[in-house]
C-alpha atoms as a PDB file:
ATOM      1  CA  MET A   1       0.004   0.002   0.002  1.00  0.00           C
ATOM      2  CA  ASP A   2       1.232   3.509  -0.871  1.00  0.00           C
ATOM      3  CA  ASN A   3       1.900   5.628   2.213  1.00  0.00           C
ATOM      4  CA  ASN A   4       1.877   8.942   0.315  1.00  0.00           C
ATOM      5  CA  CYS A   5      -1.889   9.154   0.806  1.00  0.00           C
ATOM      6  CA  CYS A   6      -1.393   9.691   4.520  1.00  0.00           C
ATOM      7  CA  ASN A   7       1.594  12.069   4.393  1.00  0.00           C
ATOM      8  CA  LYS A   8       0.461  14.624   1.794  1.00  0.00           C
ATOM      9  CA  LYS A   9      -2.495  16.984   1.883  1.00  0.00           C
ATOM     10  CA  THR A  10      -4.184  19.193  -0.667  1.00  0.00           C
ATOM     11  CA  LYS A  11      -5.359  22.589   0.467  1.00  0.00           C
ATOM     12  CA  ARG A  12      -8.605  23.501  -1.281  1.00  0.00           C
ATOM     13  CA  ASP A  13     -10.379  26.803  -0.941  1.00  0.00           C
ATOM     14  CA  LEU A  14     -13.924  26.852   0.359  1.00  0.00           C
ATOM     15  CA  ALA A  15     -15.478  27.217  -3.099  1.00  0.00           C
ATOM     16  CA  GLU A  16     -13.576  24.178  -4.398  1.00  0.00           C
ATOM     17  CA  LYS A  17     -14.579  22.088  -1.373  1.00  0.00           C
ATOM     18  CA  LYS A  18     -18.232  23.095  -1.881  1.00  0.00           C
ATOM     19  CA  ARG A  19     -18.065  22.179  -5.566  1.00  0.00           C
ATOM     20  CA  ILE A  20     -16.620  18.716  -4.873  1.00  0.00           C
ATOM     21  CA  ILE A  21     -18.899  18.018  -1.894  1.00  0.00           C
ATOM     22  CA  SER A  22     -21.934  19.045  -3.968  1.00  0.00           C
ATOM     23  CA  ARG A  23     -20.997  16.520  -6.641  1.00  0.00           C
ATOM     24  CA  LEU A  24     -20.396  13.844  -3.987  1.00  0.00           C
ATOM     25  CA  ASN A  25     -23.786  14.580  -2.471  1.00  0.00           C
ATOM     26  CA  ARG A  26     -25.407  14.131  -5.898  1.00  0.00           C
ATOM     27  CA  ILE A  27     -23.644  10.790  -6.278  1.00  0.00           C
ATOM     28  CA  ASN A  28     -24.796   9.796  -2.791  1.00  0.00           C
ATOM     29  CA  GLY A  29     -28.346  10.745  -3.817  1.00  0.00           C
ATOM     30  CA  GLN A  30     -28.069   8.548  -6.891  1.00  0.00           C
ATOM     31  CA  ILE A  31     -26.889   5.636  -4.736  1.00  0.00           C
ATOM     32  CA  ASN A  32     -29.747   6.171  -2.269  1.00  0.00           C
ATOM     33  CA  GLY A  33     -32.137   6.162  -5.223  1.00  0.00           C
ATOM     34  CA  ILE A  34     -30.740   2.817  -6.333  1.00  0.00           C
ATOM     35  CA  ASN A  35     -31.209   1.441  -2.805  1.00  0.00           C
ATOM     36  CA  LYS A  36     -34.876   2.445  -2.997  1.00  0.00           C
ATOM     37  CA  MET A  37     -35.171   0.861  -6.415  1.00  0.00           C
ATOM     38  CA  ILE A  38     -33.903  -2.438  -5.001  1.00  0.00           C
ATOM     39  CA  GLU A  39     -36.232  -2.182  -2.007  1.00  0.00           C
ATOM     40  CA  ASN A  40     -39.126  -1.608  -4.426  1.00  0.00           C
ATOM     41  CA  ASP A  41     -38.159  -4.503  -6.701  1.00  0.00           C
ATOM     42  CA  ALA A  42     -37.311  -2.266  -9.665  1.00  0.00           C
ATOM     43  CA  TYR A  43     -36.637  -3.933 -12.995  1.00  0.00           C
ATOM     44  CA  CYS A  44     -32.978  -5.012 -13.431  1.00  0.00           C
ATOM     45  CA  ASN A  45     -32.566  -2.961 -16.595  1.00  0.00           C
ATOM     46  CA  ASP A  46     -33.639   0.206 -14.785  1.00  0.00           C
ATOM     47  CA  VAL A  47     -31.245  -0.470 -11.900  1.00  0.00           C
ATOM     48  CA  LEU A  48     -28.384  -1.101 -14.308  1.00  0.00           C
ATOM     49  CA  ILE A  49     -29.085   2.187 -16.105  1.00  0.00           C
ATOM     50  CA  GLN A  50     -28.902   4.043 -12.785  1.00  0.00           C
ATOM     51  CA  LEU A  51     -25.706   2.212 -11.827  1.00  0.00           C
ATOM     52  CA  SER A  52     -24.189   3.310 -15.132  1.00  0.00           C
ATOM     53  CA  ALA A  53     -25.195   6.889 -14.342  1.00  0.00           C
ATOM     54  CA  VAL A  54     -23.427   6.645 -10.965  1.00  0.00           C
ATOM     55  CA  GLU A  55     -20.326   5.206 -12.597  1.00  0.00           C
ATOM     56  CA  ASN A  56     -20.261   8.092 -15.097  1.00  0.00           C
ATOM     57  CA  SER A  57     -20.699  10.628 -12.299  1.00  0.00           C
ATOM     58  CA  VAL A  58     -17.810   9.116 -10.328  1.00  0.00           C
ATOM     59  CA  LYS A  59     -15.589   9.050 -13.429  1.00  0.00           C
ATOM     60  CA  SER A  60     -16.433  12.668 -14.184  1.00  0.00           C
ATOM     61  CA  LEU A  61     -15.588  13.755 -10.641  1.00  0.00           C
ATOM     62  CA  SER A  62     -12.366  11.724 -10.717  1.00  0.00           C
ATOM     63  CA  SER A  63     -11.340  13.419 -13.955  1.00  0.00           C
ATOM     64  CA  TYR A  64     -12.109  16.845 -12.468  1.00  0.00           C
ATOM     65  CA  ILE A  65     -10.000  16.158  -9.366  1.00  0.00           C
ATOM     66  CA  LEU A  66      -7.181  14.684 -11.494  1.00  0.00           C
ATOM     67  CA  GLU A  67      -7.105  17.749 -13.709  1.00  0.00           C
ATOM     68  CA  ASN A  68      -6.917  20.035 -10.685  1.00  0.00           C
ATOM     69  CA  HIS A  69      -4.233  17.792  -9.195  1.00  0.00           C
ATOM     70  CA  LEU A  70      -2.089  18.177 -12.326  1.00  0.00           C
ATOM     71  CA  TYR A  71      -2.413  21.960 -12.397  1.00  0.00           C
ATOM     72  CA  THR A  72      -1.816  22.444  -8.675  1.00  0.00           C
ATOM     73  CA  CYS A  73      -0.045  19.716  -6.713  1.00  0.00           C
ATOM     74  CA  VAL A  74       1.947  18.158  -9.549  1.00  0.00           C
ATOM     75  CA  ALA A  75       2.986  21.497 -11.046  1.00  0.00           C
ATOM     76  CA  ARG A  76       4.089  22.724  -7.603  1.00  0.00           C
ATOM     77  CA  ASP A  77       6.052  19.544  -6.869  1.00  0.00           C
ATOM     78  CA  LEU A  78       7.852  19.629 -10.215  1.00  0.00           C
ATOM     79  CA  GLU A  79       8.715  23.295  -9.760  1.00  0.00           C
ATOM     80  CA  ASN A  80      10.220  22.341  -6.381  1.00  0.00           C
ATOM     81  CA  GLY A  81      12.250  19.532  -7.929  1.00  0.00           C
ATOM     82  CA  GLU A  82      10.158  16.799  -6.319  1.00  0.00           C
ATOM     83  CA  PHE A  83      10.303  14.385  -9.247  1.00  0.00           C
ATOM     84  CA  ASP A  84       8.959  11.434  -7.205  1.00  0.00           C
ATOM     85  CA  THR A  85       5.598  12.939  -8.113  1.00  0.00           C
ATOM     86  CA  ILE A  86       6.080  11.480 -11.577  1.00  0.00           C
ATOM     87  CA  ASP A  87       6.175   7.969 -10.075  1.00  0.00           C
ATOM     88  CA  GLU A  88       3.030   8.821  -8.103  1.00  0.00           C
ATOM     89  CA  LEU A  89       1.320   9.935 -11.321  1.00  0.00           C
ATOM     90  CA  ILE A  90       2.335   6.773 -13.184  1.00  0.00           C
ATOM     91  CA  SER A  91       0.852   4.687 -10.371  1.00  0.00           C
ATOM     92  CA  LEU A  92      -2.313   6.790 -10.437  1.00  0.00           C
ATOM     93  CA  PHE A  93      -2.726   6.398 -14.220  1.00  0.00           C
ATOM     94  CA  LYS A  94      -2.277   2.640 -13.886  1.00  0.00           C
ATOM     95  CA  ARG A  95      -5.155   2.566 -11.369  1.00  0.00           C
ATOM     96  CA  PHE A  96      -7.368   4.623 -13.700  1.00  0.00           C
ATOM     97  CA  ASN A  97      -6.666   2.310 -16.644  1.00  0.00           C
ATOM     98  CA  LYS A  98      -7.703  -0.962 -14.964  1.00  0.00           C
END
């Protein structure tokens, strides 16, 4: 397991936190909706369509956070000569491409 996740932090301004949390809340709402669909014996096809929507929402948020990561954290680290960030990025891209 990579220990970098516990040692580094990303400072986000309040507006950025609100934007991300809002998207996470929407995803949570989608998941809660799927729970209700299962409780109400919704048709499999309908559940699968909603699961696909959740997956797309998560991918979209991941891409948004990755883009911000590249422009902020990675750019800062490279400017400071912290080239181990490249290894971190390679590992991250491998996870995304599974």
